[in-house]
């Protein structure tokens, strides 16, 4: 993995719970993060048509906020 995060770095980053997850509680944030990232990776459709480009964007690149964040 050149410029991408290692798998462990991805898990550690995602294991930092969101406020909603903190409120709901998590017995094992790293296991939860691993499961979420695995499911996300499976959902990525890398078998696209030849004339199609698979783009990877973050939400801030695709969504124009209608109002400033709190």
Protein backbone atom coordinates (compact mmCIF):
# COMPACT_ATOMS: atom_id res chain seq x y z
CA UNK A 1 0.00 0.00 0.00
CA UNK A 2 1.84 3.03 -1.19
CA UNK A 3 0.05 6.22 -0.17
CA UNK A 4 -2.93 4.40 1.30
CA UNK A 5 -3.26 3.62 4.98
CA UNK A 6 -2.30 0.17 6.19
CA UNK A 7 -5.20 -2.06 7.19
CA UNK A 8 -4.34 -1.61 10.88
CA UNK A 9 -4.23 2.19 10.49
CA UNK A 10 -7.66 2.09 8.79
CA UNK A 11 -9.08 0.04 11.65
CA UNK A 12 -7.54 2.27 14.33
CA UNK A 13 -8.86 5.38 12.58
CA UNK A 14 -12.39 3.96 12.24
CA UNK A 15 -12.31 2.62 15.82
CA UNK A 16 -12.52 6.20 17.05
CA UNK A 17 -16.24 6.15 17.73
CA UNK A 18 -18.66 8.68 16.33
CA UNK A 19 -20.84 10.53 18.87
CA UNK A 20 -23.81 8.30 17.97
CA UNK A 21 -21.69 5.18 18.50
CA UNK A 22 -20.43 6.47 21.86
CA UNK A 23 -24.03 7.03 22.95
CA UNK A 24 -25.03 3.52 21.84
CA UNK A 25 -21.88 1.99 23.31
CA UNK A 26 -19.43 -0.49 21.84
CA UNK A 27 -17.82 -3.39 23.64
CA UNK A 28 -15.04 -3.70 21.06
CA UNK A 29 -14.54 -0.62 18.84
CA UNK A 30 -11.68 -2.24 16.87
CA UNK A 31 -13.74 -5.34 16.02
CA UNK A 32 -16.65 -3.09 15.08
CA UNK A 33 -14.35 -0.97 12.88
CA UNK A 34 -12.92 -4.08 11.21
CA UNK A 35 -16.43 -5.36 10.40
CA UNK A 36 -17.55 -1.97 9.04
CA UNK A 37 -14.46 -1.61 6.84
CA UNK A 38 -14.71 -5.19 5.57
CA UNK A 39 -18.33 -4.65 4.57
CA UNK A 40 -17.41 -1.34 2.95
CA UNK A 41 -14.62 -2.98 0.95
CA UNK A 42 -17.01 -5.69 -0.26
CA UNK A 43 -19.49 -3.04 -1.41
CA UNK A 44 -16.88 -1.32 -3.57
CA UNK A 45 -17.68 -2.39 -7.09
CA UNK A 46 -14.31 -2.92 -8.74
CA UNK A 47 -15.83 -4.96 -11.57
CA UNK A 48 -17.14 -2.01 -13.57
CA UNK A 49 -17.70 -1.66 -17.29
CA UNK A 50 -14.59 -0.92 -19.36
CA UNK A 51 -15.70 2.60 -20.25
CA UNK A 52 -16.54 3.42 -16.62
CA UNK A 53 -14.15 5.05 -14.18
CA UNK A 54 -14.30 4.05 -10.53
CA UNK A 55 -13.79 7.18 -8.43
CA UNK A 56 -13.00 7.35 -4.75
CA UNK A 57 -14.21 10.52 -3.08
CA UNK A 58 -14.76 11.70 0.43
CA UNK A 59 -18.07 13.20 1.48
CA UNK A 60 -16.61 16.71 1.51
CA UNK A 61 -15.71 16.30 -2.17
CA UNK A 62 -19.20 15.23 -3.23
CA UNK A 63 -21.60 17.18 -1.04
CA UNK A 64 -22.05 20.91 -0.96
CA UNK A 65 -23.10 21.85 2.57
CA UNK A 66 -26.28 23.90 2.68
CA UNK A 67 -25.30 25.48 5.97
CA UNK A 68 -22.09 25.71 8.01
CA UNK A 69 -21.37 22.89 10.45
CA UNK A 70 -22.20 23.35 14.14
